[in-house]
C-alpha atoms as a PDB file:
ATOM      1  CA  UNK A   1      -4.538  11.710   1.607  1.00  0.00           C
ATOM      2  CA  UNK A   2      -1.187   9.971   2.159  1.00  0.00           C
ATOM      3  CA  UNK A   3      -1.757   6.458   3.462  1.00  0.00           C
ATOM      4  CA  UNK A   4       0.999   3.989   4.282  1.00  0.00           C
ATOM      5  CA  UNK A   5      -0.024   0.345   3.951  1.00  0.00           C
ATOM      6  CA  UNK A   6       2.147  -2.136   5.856  1.00  0.00           C
ATOM      7  CA  UNK A   7       1.840  -5.577   4.316  1.00  0.00           C
ATOM      8  CA  UNK A   8       0.488  -6.796   1.005  1.00  0.00           C
ATOM      9  CA  UNK A   9      -1.108 -10.138   1.783  1.00  0.00           C
ATOM     10  CA  UNK A  10      -4.494 -11.498   0.723  1.00  0.00           C
ATOM     11  CA  UNK A  11      -6.512  -9.279   3.065  1.00  0.00           C
ATOM     12  CA  UNK A  12      -4.752  -6.111   1.899  1.00  0.00           C
ATOM     13  CA  UNK A  13      -5.070  -7.106  -1.767  1.00  0.00           C
ATOM     14  CA  UNK A  14      -8.827  -7.567  -1.354  1.00  0.00           C
ATOM     15  CA  UNK A  15      -9.259  -4.244   0.449  1.00  0.00           C
ATOM     16  CA  UNK A  16      -7.243  -2.176  -2.015  1.00  0.00           C
ATOM     17  CA  UNK A  17      -8.675  -3.785  -5.130  1.00  0.00           C
ATOM     18  CA  UNK A  18     -12.143  -2.980  -3.780  1.00  0.00           C
ATOM     19  CA  UNK A  19     -11.174   0.606  -2.883  1.00  0.00           C
ATOM     20  CA  UNK A  20      -9.549   1.429  -6.222  1.00  0.00           C
ATOM     21  CA  UNK A  21     -12.942   1.609  -7.938  1.00  0.00           C
ATOM     22  CA  UNK A  22     -14.071   4.442  -5.654  1.00  0.00           C
ATOM     23  CA  UNK A  23     -10.837   6.016  -4.391  1.00  0.00           C
ATOM     24  CA  UNK A  24      -7.756   7.532  -5.982  1.00  0.00           C
ATOM     25  CA  UNK A  25      -4.902   5.477  -4.521  1.00  0.00           C
ATOM     26  CA  UNK A  26      -2.078   7.383  -6.234  1.00  0.00           C
ATOM     27  CA  UNK A  27      -0.918   8.902  -2.914  1.00  0.00           C
ATOM     28  CA  UNK A  28      -1.082   5.562  -1.095  1.00  0.00           C
ATOM     29  CA  UNK A  29       2.245   3.874  -0.342  1.00  0.00           C
ATOM     30  CA  UNK A  30       2.618   0.118   0.073  1.00  0.00           C
ATOM     31  CA  UNK A  31       5.444  -1.608   1.923  1.00  0.00           C
ATOM     32  CA  UNK A  32       6.208  -5.271   2.553  1.00  0.00           C
ATOM     33  CA  UNK A  33       9.401  -6.737   4.017  1.00  0.00           C
ATOM     34  CA  UNK A  34      10.379  -8.636   0.859  1.00  0.00           C
ATOM     35  CA  UNK A  35       9.083  -5.900  -1.424  1.00  0.00           C
ATOM     36  CA  UNK A  36       7.819  -8.351  -4.026  1.00  0.00           C
ATOM     37  CA  UNK A  37       4.151  -8.436  -3.018  1.00  0.00           C
ATOM     38  CA  UNK A  38       4.034  -4.701  -2.305  1.00  0.00           C
ATOM     39  CA  UNK A  39       5.505  -3.831  -5.690  1.00  0.00           C
ATOM     40  CA  UNK A  40       2.983  -6.024  -7.524  1.00  0.00           C
ATOM     41  CA  UNK A  41       0.013  -4.722  -5.522  1.00  0.00           C
ATOM     42  CA  UNK A  42       1.062  -1.089  -5.959  1.00  0.00           C
ATOM     43  CA  UNK A  43       1.258  -1.633  -9.702  1.00  0.00           C
ATOM     44  CA  UNK A  44      -2.157  -3.348  -9.761  1.00  0.00           C
ATOM     45  CA  UNK A  45      -4.022  -0.610  -7.846  1.00  0.00           C
ATOM     46  CA  UNK A  46      -2.162   2.533  -8.950  1.00  0.00           C
ATOM     47  CA  UNK A  47      -0.376   3.150  -5.649  1.00  0.00           C
ATOM     48  CA  UNK A  48       3.297   3.800  -4.904  1.00  0.00           C
ATOM     49  CA  UNK A  49       5.697   1.028  -3.940  1.00  0.00           C
ATOM     50  CA  UNK A  50       7.962   1.862  -0.991  1.00  0.00           C
ATOM     51  CA  UNK A  51      11.091  -0.326  -0.797  1.00  0.00           C
ATOM     52  CA  UNK A  52      12.314   1.227   2.460  1.00  0.00           C
ATOM     53  CA  UNK A  53      10.300   2.778   5.308  1.00  0.00           C
ATOM     54  CA  UNK A  54      12.884   5.531   5.768  1.00  0.00           C
ATOM     55  CA  UNK A  55      11.489   7.049   2.543  1.00  0.00           C
ATOM     56  CA  UNK A  56       8.077   7.599   4.146  1.00  0.00           C
ATOM     57  CA  UNK A  57       7.554  11.003   5.743  1.00  0.00           C
ATOM     58  CA  UNK A  58       4.467  11.843   7.809  1.00  0.00           C
ATOM     59  CA  UNK A  59       1.660   9.708   6.379  1.00  0.00           C
ATOM     60  CA  UNK A  60      -1.860  10.814   7.311  1.00  0.00           C
ATOM     61  CA  UNK A  61      -2.856   7.225   8.088  1.00  0.00           C
ATOM     62  CA  UNK A  62      -1.138   3.871   8.537  1.00  0.00           C
ATOM     63  CA  UNK A  63      -3.049   0.747   7.562  1.00  0.00           C
ATOM     64  CA  UNK A  64      -1.638  -2.417   9.121  1.00  0.00           C
ATOM     65  CA  UNK A  65      -2.423  -5.165   6.654  1.00  0.00           C
ATOM     66  CA  UNK A  66      -0.588  -8.116   8.168  1.00  0.00           C
ATOM     67  CA  UNK A  67      -1.303 -10.875  10.654  1.00  0.00           C
END
């Protein structure tokens, strides 16, 4: 399942680190405006870092992980 995660703050980090033990996150894509936190989180959980939203085509779900 292709999931786009918008934001990589504390809440999102907690959710994805918990999910990685039971879910394959290799098709998940993580985006943050600065890119720094998304790139680190993607590396930590085995997801893909997306530097630009124009690269994302038709995700199955969008998870809004920001305030």
